[in-house]
Every structure is written in C-alpha cells, then in structure tokens.
Amino acid sequence: MESRKLRPLDKAALERQSEFRYQLRRFLRFGEEASRAAGVTAVQHHLMLHTQAFPGREWASFGELAERLQIQPHGVVALVTRCEEAGLVRRQANAADGRMVEVHLTAKGRRCVAQVAAQHRAQLGELAAVIEAARASGG
C-alpha cells in the first residue's frame, strides 16, 4: 500500500471535525436513550432497523446484519436469539436458498422501530445540517 503524507488540518478544519464528532455523539446518545425508553438496547434497535434496510424486501440475512452492525457473525446469532426471545424478530429459511436464514421483524418489532425512528427524525435533520455545513466549507 502506498503511503501518502497527509497535510495538517488548519484550525477551522479541526473545529469542523470536532463539531461533527460532537453532533454525531449527541445523535448516538439520543438513540441510546430513545431505545432504552422503548424497552430495547441500542444494538437491538439497530439490528431491527437494519432488517428494513434493503430495497424490495423486509428482512436481512445474518451476514448483512453482521456487516451493518460491524460485528462478528456469531455476535449477530446471539443478538438475534435475544431479540427473538423478546418477541422482536423471527427467523425464517430463505425460500430460494434453504441455507440462508432471513431475520424478519414481528409486529412488536415493527412498532418498536417505528417509535424510535419517529423520535430520531429531528435529530437526523440536525446531524444532516452539520454534515452539509462541513461539506460546504470543504472539511
């Protein structure tokens, strides 16, 4: 891999990065609190949200969830099991490939995701504004 020398950021660029990370952390913290208020952990909410992330279907595979959550596949298995025990998701064999297992939301899981997602709407707008400001200023 070729090593490139990075030029140091100026004070304004550092301020933009700091503001972005601050706002991102605020968003993540808000999500943790909103998830907890809905009776789930943040990672359970993320798993449920990611089951809805793929156009044209309302499920995700274990591999897709591992990628989206940035965790090992065996961690996804444990997380799905906990969510399944809580009545939030269900497993289903894929009709085209019986080796693949789909993770679907239950009605309870859909209600939980809808509740937390609605609470995130305003915070997403605020975070988007910070990202756009950083992009517009070149940092």
N, C-alpha and C. Protein backbone atom coordinates (compact mmCIF):
# COMPACT_ATOMS: atom_id res chain seq x y z
N MET A 1 0.84 -1.18 0.00
CA MET A 1 0.00 0.00 0.00
C MET A 1 0.88 1.24 0.00
N GLU A 2 0.55 2.19 -0.83
CA GLU A 2 1.33 3.43 -0.94
C GLU A 2 1.01 4.35 0.23
N SER A 3 2.05 4.88 0.83
CA SER A 3 1.87 5.79 1.94
C SER A 3 1.89 7.23 1.42
N ARG A 4 0.84 7.97 1.78
CA ARG A 4 0.79 9.37 1.39
C ARG A 4 1.01 10.23 2.62
N LYS A 5 1.73 11.31 2.40
CA LYS A 5 1.94 12.24 3.50
C LYS A 5 0.71 13.14 3.57
N LEU A 6 0.09 13.15 4.73
CA LEU A 6 -1.10 13.98 4.92
C LEU A 6 -0.68 15.36 5.39
N ARG A 7 -1.33 16.35 4.82
CA ARG A 7 -1.01 17.70 5.29
C ARG A 7 -1.85 18.01 6.52
N PRO A 8 -1.29 18.74 7.45
CA PRO A 8 -2.02 19.04 8.69
C PRO A 8 -3.26 19.89 8.40
N LEU A 9 -4.29 19.67 9.20
CA LEU A 9 -5.51 20.45 9.07
C LEU A 9 -5.35 21.79 9.75
N ASP A 10 -5.98 22.79 9.19
CA ASP A 10 -5.94 24.10 9.84
C ASP A 10 -6.95 24.12 10.99
N LYS A 11 -6.92 25.17 11.76
CA LYS A 11 -7.78 25.29 12.95
C LYS A 11 -9.24 25.18 12.59
N ALA A 12 -9.68 25.80 11.52
CA ALA A 12 -11.09 25.75 11.13
C ALA A 12 -11.51 24.32 10.78
N ALA A 13 -10.63 23.59 10.10
CA ALA A 13 -10.95 22.19 9.75
C ALA A 13 -11.04 21.33 11.01
N LEU A 14 -10.16 21.57 11.97
CA LEU A 14 -10.22 20.83 13.23
C LEU A 14 -11.51 21.15 13.98
N GLU A 15 -11.92 22.42 13.94
CA GLU A 15 -13.17 22.81 14.59
C GLU A 15 -14.36 22.11 13.93
N ARG A 16 -14.35 22.00 12.59
CA ARG A 16 -15.45 21.32 11.88
C ARG A 16 -15.48 19.84 12.25
N GLN A 17 -14.30 19.21 12.31
CA GLN A 17 -14.26 17.80 12.69
C GLN A 17 -14.75 17.60 14.12
N SER A 18 -14.34 18.48 15.00
CA SER A 18 -14.78 18.41 16.38
C SER A 18 -16.30 18.57 16.47
N GLU A 19 -16.84 19.54 15.77
CA GLU A 19 -18.29 19.78 15.80
C GLU A 19 -19.04 18.58 15.24
N PHE A 20 -18.53 18.03 14.13
CA PHE A 20 -19.17 16.86 13.55
C PHE A 20 -19.19 15.70 14.54
N ARG A 21 -18.04 15.40 15.16
CA ARG A 21 -17.97 14.28 16.10
C ARG A 21 -18.84 14.53 17.32
N TYR A 22 -18.90 15.77 17.78
CA TYR A 22 -19.77 16.12 18.90
C TYR A 22 -21.22 15.87 18.53
N GLN A 23 -21.64 16.37 17.37
CA GLN A 23 -23.03 16.19 16.96
C GLN A 23 -23.36 14.71 16.71
N LEU A 24 -22.41 13.98 16.14
CA LEU A 24 -22.61 12.55 15.91
C LEU A 24 -22.78 11.83 17.25
N ARG A 25 -21.94 12.16 18.22
CA ARG A 25 -22.05 11.53 19.54
C ARG A 25 -23.37 11.88 20.21
N ARG A 26 -23.82 13.13 20.05
CA ARG A 26 -25.13 13.53 20.60
C ARG A 26 -26.24 12.70 19.96
N PHE A 27 -26.16 12.50 18.64
CA PHE A 27 -27.15 11.70 17.93
C PHE A 27 -27.15 10.26 18.44
N LEU A 28 -25.96 9.68 18.59
CA LEU A 28 -25.87 8.31 19.06
C LEU A 28 -26.38 8.18 20.50
N ARG A 29 -26.05 9.14 21.32
CA ARG A 29 -26.53 9.13 22.72
C ARG A 29 -28.04 9.25 22.76
N PHE A 30 -28.59 10.13 21.94
CA PHE A 30 -30.05 10.27 21.87
C PHE A 30 -30.67 8.92 21.50
N GLY A 31 -30.05 8.25 20.51
CA GLY A 31 -30.56 6.95 20.08
C GLY A 31 -30.51 5.91 21.18
N GLU A 32 -29.44 5.93 21.96
CA GLU A 32 -29.32 5.00 23.08
C GLU A 32 -30.45 5.24 24.08
N GLU A 33 -30.72 6.50 24.38
CA GLU A 33 -31.77 6.83 25.34
C GLU A 33 -33.17 6.53 24.78
N ALA A 34 -33.39 6.81 23.50
CA ALA A 34 -34.68 6.52 22.88
C ALA A 34 -34.92 5.01 22.83
N SER A 35 -33.89 4.25 22.54
CA SER A 35 -34.02 2.79 22.52
C SER A 35 -34.37 2.27 23.91
N ARG A 36 -33.64 2.75 24.90
CA ARG A 36 -33.89 2.33 26.28
C ARG A 36 -35.32 2.65 26.70
N ALA A 37 -35.80 3.84 26.31
CA ALA A 37 -37.17 4.23 26.65
C ALA A 37 -38.20 3.31 25.97
N ALA A 38 -37.83 2.74 24.82
CA ALA A 38 -38.72 1.82 24.11
C ALA A 38 -38.58 0.39 24.61
N GLY A 39 -37.69 0.18 25.58
CA GLY A 39 -37.54 -1.14 26.18
C GLY A 39 -36.55 -2.06 25.51
N VAL A 40 -35.68 -1.51 24.67
CA VAL A 40 -34.66 -2.32 24.00
C VAL A 40 -33.31 -1.63 24.15
N THR A 41 -32.25 -2.37 23.84
CA THR A 41 -30.93 -1.76 23.83
C THR A 41 -30.72 -1.07 22.47
N ALA A 42 -29.73 -0.22 22.40
CA ALA A 42 -29.43 0.46 21.14
C ALA A 42 -29.06 -0.55 20.06
N VAL A 43 -28.28 -1.56 20.40
CA VAL A 43 -27.87 -2.54 19.39
C VAL A 43 -29.07 -3.39 18.94
N GLN A 44 -30.01 -3.67 19.83
CA GLN A 44 -31.22 -4.37 19.41
C GLN A 44 -32.01 -3.51 18.43
N HIS A 45 -32.10 -2.21 18.73
CA HIS A 45 -32.80 -1.31 17.81
C HIS A 45 -32.10 -1.28 16.46
N HIS A 46 -30.77 -1.20 16.46
CA HIS A 46 -30.02 -1.16 15.20
C HIS A 46 -30.25 -2.43 14.40
N LEU A 47 -30.24 -3.58 15.07
CA LEU A 47 -30.50 -4.84 14.37
C LEU A 47 -31.87 -4.80 13.71
N MET A 48 -32.88 -4.38 14.46
CA MET A 48 -34.24 -4.32 13.90
C MET A 48 -34.32 -3.33 12.75
N LEU A 49 -33.70 -2.17 12.91
CA LEU A 49 -33.69 -1.17 11.85
C LEU A 49 -33.05 -1.73 10.58
N HIS A 50 -31.94 -2.41 10.74
CA HIS A 50 -31.21 -2.93 9.58
C HIS A 50 -31.96 -4.06 8.86
N THR A 51 -32.92 -4.70 9.52
CA THR A 51 -33.71 -5.70 8.80
C THR A 51 -34.55 -5.03 7.72
N GLN A 52 -34.75 -3.73 7.85
CA GLN A 52 -35.58 -2.98 6.90
C GLN A 52 -34.75 -2.18 5.90
N ALA A 53 -33.46 -2.42 5.84
CA ALA A 53 -32.54 -1.57 5.09
C ALA A 53 -32.39 -1.91 3.61
N PHE A 54 -32.97 -3.00 3.16
CA PHE A 54 -32.71 -3.45 1.80
C PHE A 54 -33.93 -3.26 0.92
N PRO A 55 -33.79 -2.52 -0.17
CA PRO A 55 -34.93 -2.23 -1.05
C PRO A 55 -35.59 -3.51 -1.57
N GLY A 56 -36.90 -3.50 -1.60
CA GLY A 56 -37.63 -4.62 -2.17
C GLY A 56 -37.86 -5.79 -1.23
N ARG A 57 -37.40 -5.69 0.01
CA ARG A 57 -37.65 -6.77 0.97
C ARG A 57 -37.65 -6.23 2.39
N GLU A 58 -38.24 -6.98 3.27
CA GLU A 58 -38.34 -6.55 4.67
C GLU A 58 -37.67 -7.56 5.59
N TRP A 59 -36.47 -7.97 5.22
CA TRP A 59 -35.69 -8.89 6.03
C TRP A 59 -34.22 -8.68 5.70
N ALA A 60 -33.38 -9.27 6.53
CA ALA A 60 -31.94 -9.23 6.28
C ALA A 60 -31.35 -10.58 6.67
N SER A 61 -30.25 -10.93 6.04
CA SER A 61 -29.54 -12.16 6.39
C SER A 61 -28.60 -11.88 7.56
N PHE A 62 -28.12 -12.94 8.17
CA PHE A 62 -27.17 -12.79 9.27
C PHE A 62 -25.90 -12.09 8.79
N GLY A 63 -25.42 -12.42 7.60
CA GLY A 63 -24.22 -11.78 7.06
C GLY A 63 -24.42 -10.29 6.84
N GLU A 64 -25.58 -9.92 6.30
CA GLU A 64 -25.88 -8.50 6.08
C GLU A 64 -25.95 -7.76 7.41
N LEU A 65 -26.55 -8.38 8.41
CA LEU A 65 -26.64 -7.74 9.72
C LEU A 65 -25.27 -7.59 10.36
N ALA A 66 -24.42 -8.60 10.19
CA ALA A 66 -23.06 -8.50 10.73
C ALA A 66 -22.33 -7.33 10.10
N GLU A 67 -22.47 -7.16 8.79
CA GLU A 67 -21.82 -6.04 8.10
C GLU A 67 -22.39 -4.71 8.58
N ARG A 68 -23.70 -4.59 8.61
CA ARG A 68 -24.33 -3.32 9.02
C ARG A 68 -23.98 -2.96 10.46
N LEU A 69 -23.93 -3.95 11.34
CA LEU A 69 -23.63 -3.70 12.75
C LEU A 69 -22.14 -3.66 13.04
N GLN A 70 -21.33 -4.09 12.05
CA GLN A 70 -19.88 -4.14 12.21
C GLN A 70 -19.49 -5.03 13.38
N ILE A 71 -20.13 -6.21 13.45
CA ILE A 71 -19.79 -7.20 14.47
C ILE A 71 -19.61 -8.56 13.80
N GLN A 72 -19.04 -9.49 14.53
CA GLN A 72 -18.79 -10.83 14.02
C GLN A 72 -20.12 -11.58 13.84
N PRO A 73 -20.21 -12.47 12.86
CA PRO A 73 -21.45 -13.22 12.65
C PRO A 73 -21.96 -13.96 13.89
N HIS A 74 -21.05 -14.52 14.71
CA HIS A 74 -21.54 -15.22 15.91
C HIS A 74 -22.18 -14.24 16.90
N GLY A 75 -21.75 -12.99 16.86
CA GLY A 75 -22.39 -11.96 17.69
C GLY A 75 -23.80 -11.66 17.21
N VAL A 76 -24.00 -11.70 15.90
CA VAL A 76 -25.33 -11.49 15.34
C VAL A 76 -26.26 -12.63 15.76
N VAL A 77 -25.74 -13.85 15.73
CA VAL A 77 -26.56 -15.00 16.13
C VAL A 77 -27.06 -14.81 17.56
N ALA A 78 -26.16 -14.42 18.46
CA ALA A 78 -26.55 -14.21 19.86
C ALA A 78 -27.55 -13.07 19.99
N LEU A 79 -27.32 -12.00 19.24
CA LEU A 79 -28.22 -10.84 19.29
C LEU A 79 -29.60 -11.20 18.73
N VAL A 80 -29.65 -11.90 17.62
CA VAL A 80 -30.93 -12.32 17.05
C VAL A 80 -31.66 -13.22 18.04
N THR A 81 -30.93 -14.11 18.68
CA THR A 81 -31.56 -15.00 19.67
C THR A 81 -32.20 -14.20 20.79
N ARG A 82 -31.49 -13.18 21.30
CA ARG A 82 -32.05 -12.34 22.37
C ARG A 82 -33.28 -11.57 21.88
N CYS A 83 -33.20 -11.06 20.65
CA CYS A 83 -34.35 -10.32 20.09
C CYS A 83 -35.52 -11.26 19.83
N GLU A 84 -35.22 -12.47 19.41
CA GLU A 84 -36.26 -13.46 19.18
C GLU A 84 -36.96 -13.81 20.50
N GLU A 85 -36.17 -14.00 21.55
CA GLU A 85 -36.74 -14.31 22.87
C GLU A 85 -37.61 -13.17 23.39
N ALA A 86 -37.30 -11.94 22.98
CA ALA A 86 -38.08 -10.78 23.39
C ALA A 86 -39.30 -10.55 22.49
N GLY A 87 -39.44 -11.39 21.45
CA GLY A 87 -40.58 -11.27 20.55
C GLY A 87 -40.45 -10.16 19.52
N LEU A 88 -39.23 -9.73 19.24
CA LEU A 88 -39.00 -8.60 18.33
C LEU A 88 -38.73 -9.04 16.89
N VAL A 89 -38.12 -10.22 16.72
CA VAL A 89 -37.78 -10.73 15.38
C VAL A 89 -38.12 -12.21 15.32
N ARG A 90 -38.14 -12.71 14.09
CA ARG A 90 -38.28 -14.15 13.89
C ARG A 90 -37.36 -14.57 12.75
N ARG A 91 -36.91 -15.81 12.82
CA ARG A 91 -36.06 -16.37 11.77
C ARG A 91 -36.95 -17.12 10.78
N GLN A 92 -36.49 -17.12 9.54
CA GLN A 92 -37.21 -17.86 8.50
C GLN A 92 -36.22 -18.33 7.46
N ALA A 93 -36.34 -19.57 7.04
CA ALA A 93 -35.46 -20.09 5.99
C ALA A 93 -35.79 -19.37 4.68
N ASN A 94 -34.77 -19.05 3.91
CA ASN A 94 -34.95 -18.42 2.60
C ASN A 94 -35.55 -19.44 1.64
N ALA A 95 -36.60 -19.04 0.92
CA ALA A 95 -37.29 -19.96 0.00
C ALA A 95 -36.40 -20.42 -1.15
N ALA A 96 -35.54 -19.54 -1.64
CA ALA A 96 -34.68 -19.87 -2.78
C ALA A 96 -33.42 -20.62 -2.36
N ASP A 97 -32.94 -20.37 -1.17
CA ASP A 97 -31.71 -21.00 -0.69
C ASP A 97 -31.91 -21.36 0.78
N GLY A 98 -32.25 -22.59 1.03
CA GLY A 98 -32.56 -23.05 2.38
C GLY A 98 -31.41 -22.91 3.36
N ARG A 99 -30.19 -22.70 2.87
CA ARG A 99 -29.05 -22.50 3.77
C ARG A 99 -29.06 -21.11 4.38
N MET A 100 -29.72 -20.16 3.71
CA MET A 100 -29.76 -18.78 4.20
C MET A 100 -30.94 -18.62 5.16
N VAL A 101 -30.68 -17.92 6.25
CA VAL A 101 -31.73 -17.63 7.22
C VAL A 101 -32.03 -16.14 7.15
N GLU A 102 -33.31 -15.83 7.01
CA GLU A 102 -33.77 -14.44 6.98
C GLU A 102 -34.18 -14.02 8.39
N VAL A 103 -33.94 -12.76 8.73
CA VAL A 103 -34.39 -12.21 10.01
C VAL A 103 -35.48 -11.19 9.68
N HIS A 104 -36.67 -11.44 10.19
CA HIS A 104 -37.84 -10.59 9.96
C HIS A 104 -38.28 -9.95 11.27
N LEU A 105 -38.87 -8.76 11.17
CA LEU A 105 -39.47 -8.14 12.34
C LEU A 105 -40.82 -8.77 12.63
N THR A 106 -41.15 -8.86 13.89
CA THR A 106 -42.50 -9.22 14.30
C THR A 106 -43.31 -7.92 14.39
N ALA A 107 -44.60 -8.03 14.66
CA ALA A 107 -45.42 -6.83 14.84
C ALA A 107 -44.87 -5.98 15.98
N LYS A 108 -44.45 -6.63 17.06
CA LYS A 108 -43.86 -5.90 18.20
C LYS A 108 -42.58 -5.19 17.77
N GLY A 109 -41.75 -5.85 16.99
CA GLY A 109 -40.51 -5.24 16.50
C GLY A 109 -40.79 -4.05 15.59
N ARG A 110 -41.79 -4.18 14.72
CA ARG A 110 -42.15 -3.06 13.83
C ARG A 110 -42.61 -1.85 14.63
N ARG A 111 -43.42 -2.09 15.66
CA ARG A 111 -43.88 -0.97 16.50
C ARG A 111 -42.70 -0.29 17.20
N CYS A 112 -41.77 -1.08 17.69
CA CYS A 112 -40.60 -0.54 18.39
C CYS A 112 -39.74 0.30 17.44
N VAL A 113 -39.46 -0.23 16.25
CA VAL A 113 -38.64 0.50 15.28
C VAL A 113 -39.34 1.80 14.88
N ALA A 114 -40.64 1.74 14.64
CA ALA A 114 -41.39 2.94 14.25
C ALA A 114 -41.33 4.01 15.35
N GLN A 115 -41.47 3.59 16.59
CA GLN A 115 -41.43 4.53 17.71
C GLN A 115 -40.08 5.22 17.80
N VAL A 116 -39.00 4.45 17.77
CA VAL A 116 -37.66 5.03 17.92
C VAL A 116 -37.30 5.86 16.68
N ALA A 117 -37.66 5.38 15.50
CA ALA A 117 -37.35 6.12 14.27
C ALA A 117 -38.06 7.47 14.25
N ALA A 118 -39.28 7.51 14.71
CA ALA A 118 -40.01 8.79 14.74
C ALA A 118 -39.30 9.78 15.67
N GLN A 119 -38.78 9.29 16.77
CA GLN A 119 -38.07 10.17 17.70
C GLN A 119 -36.75 10.66 17.11
N HIS A 120 -36.17 9.91 16.20
CA HIS A 120 -34.88 10.28 15.59
C HIS A 120 -35.01 11.31 14.48
N ARG A 121 -36.20 11.53 13.98
CA ARG A 121 -36.39 12.37 12.79
C ARG A 121 -35.74 13.75 12.96
N ALA A 122 -36.02 14.44 14.04
CA ALA A 122 -35.47 15.78 14.25
C ALA A 122 -33.95 15.74 14.41
N GLN A 123 -33.46 14.75 15.15
CA GLN A 123 -32.01 14.66 15.36
C GLN A 123 -31.28 14.36 14.05
N LEU A 124 -31.89 13.57 13.18
CA LEU A 124 -31.29 13.32 11.87
C LEU A 124 -31.16 14.61 11.08
N GLY A 125 -32.18 15.45 11.15
CA GLY A 125 -32.12 16.73 10.46
C GLY A 125 -30.99 17.60 10.97
N GLU A 126 -30.81 17.64 12.28
CA GLU A 126 -29.72 18.42 12.87
C GLU A 126 -28.36 17.89 12.44
N LEU A 127 -28.20 16.58 12.46
CA LEU A 127 -26.93 15.98 12.06
C LEU A 127 -26.67 16.22 10.57
N ALA A 128 -27.70 16.12 9.76
CA ALA A 128 -27.55 16.39 8.33
C ALA A 128 -27.09 17.82 8.09
N ALA A 129 -27.61 18.75 8.86
CA ALA A 129 -27.20 20.15 8.71
C ALA A 129 -25.72 20.33 9.05
N VAL A 130 -25.24 19.65 10.08
CA VAL A 130 -23.83 19.73 10.45
C VAL A 130 -22.96 19.13 9.34
N ILE A 131 -23.39 18.00 8.79
CA ILE A 131 -22.63 17.36 7.71
C ILE A 131 -22.60 18.28 6.49
N GLU A 132 -23.73 18.86 6.16
CA GLU A 132 -23.79 19.75 4.99
C GLU A 132 -22.91 20.98 5.20
N ALA A 133 -22.90 21.53 6.40
CA ALA A 133 -22.06 22.71 6.67
C ALA A 133 -20.59 22.34 6.52
N ALA A 134 -20.21 21.16 7.00
CA ALA A 134 -18.81 20.72 6.88
C ALA A 134 -18.47 20.49 5.42
N ARG A 135 -19.38 19.90 4.68
CA ARG A 135 -19.14 19.64 3.26
C ARG A 135 -19.01 20.95 2.48
N ALA A 136 -19.88 21.89 2.75
CA ALA A 136 -19.88 23.17 2.05
C ALA A 136 -18.60 23.97 2.30
N SER A 137 -18.04 23.78 3.51
CA SER A 137 -16.82 24.54 3.83
C SER A 137 -15.56 23.78 3.45
N GLY A 138 -15.73 22.61 2.84
CA GLY A 138 -14.56 21.87 2.38
C GLY A 138 -13.89 21.03 3.43
N GLY A 139 -14.55 20.77 4.55
CA GLY A 139 -13.88 19.99 5.59
C GLY A 139 -14.68 18.87 6.02
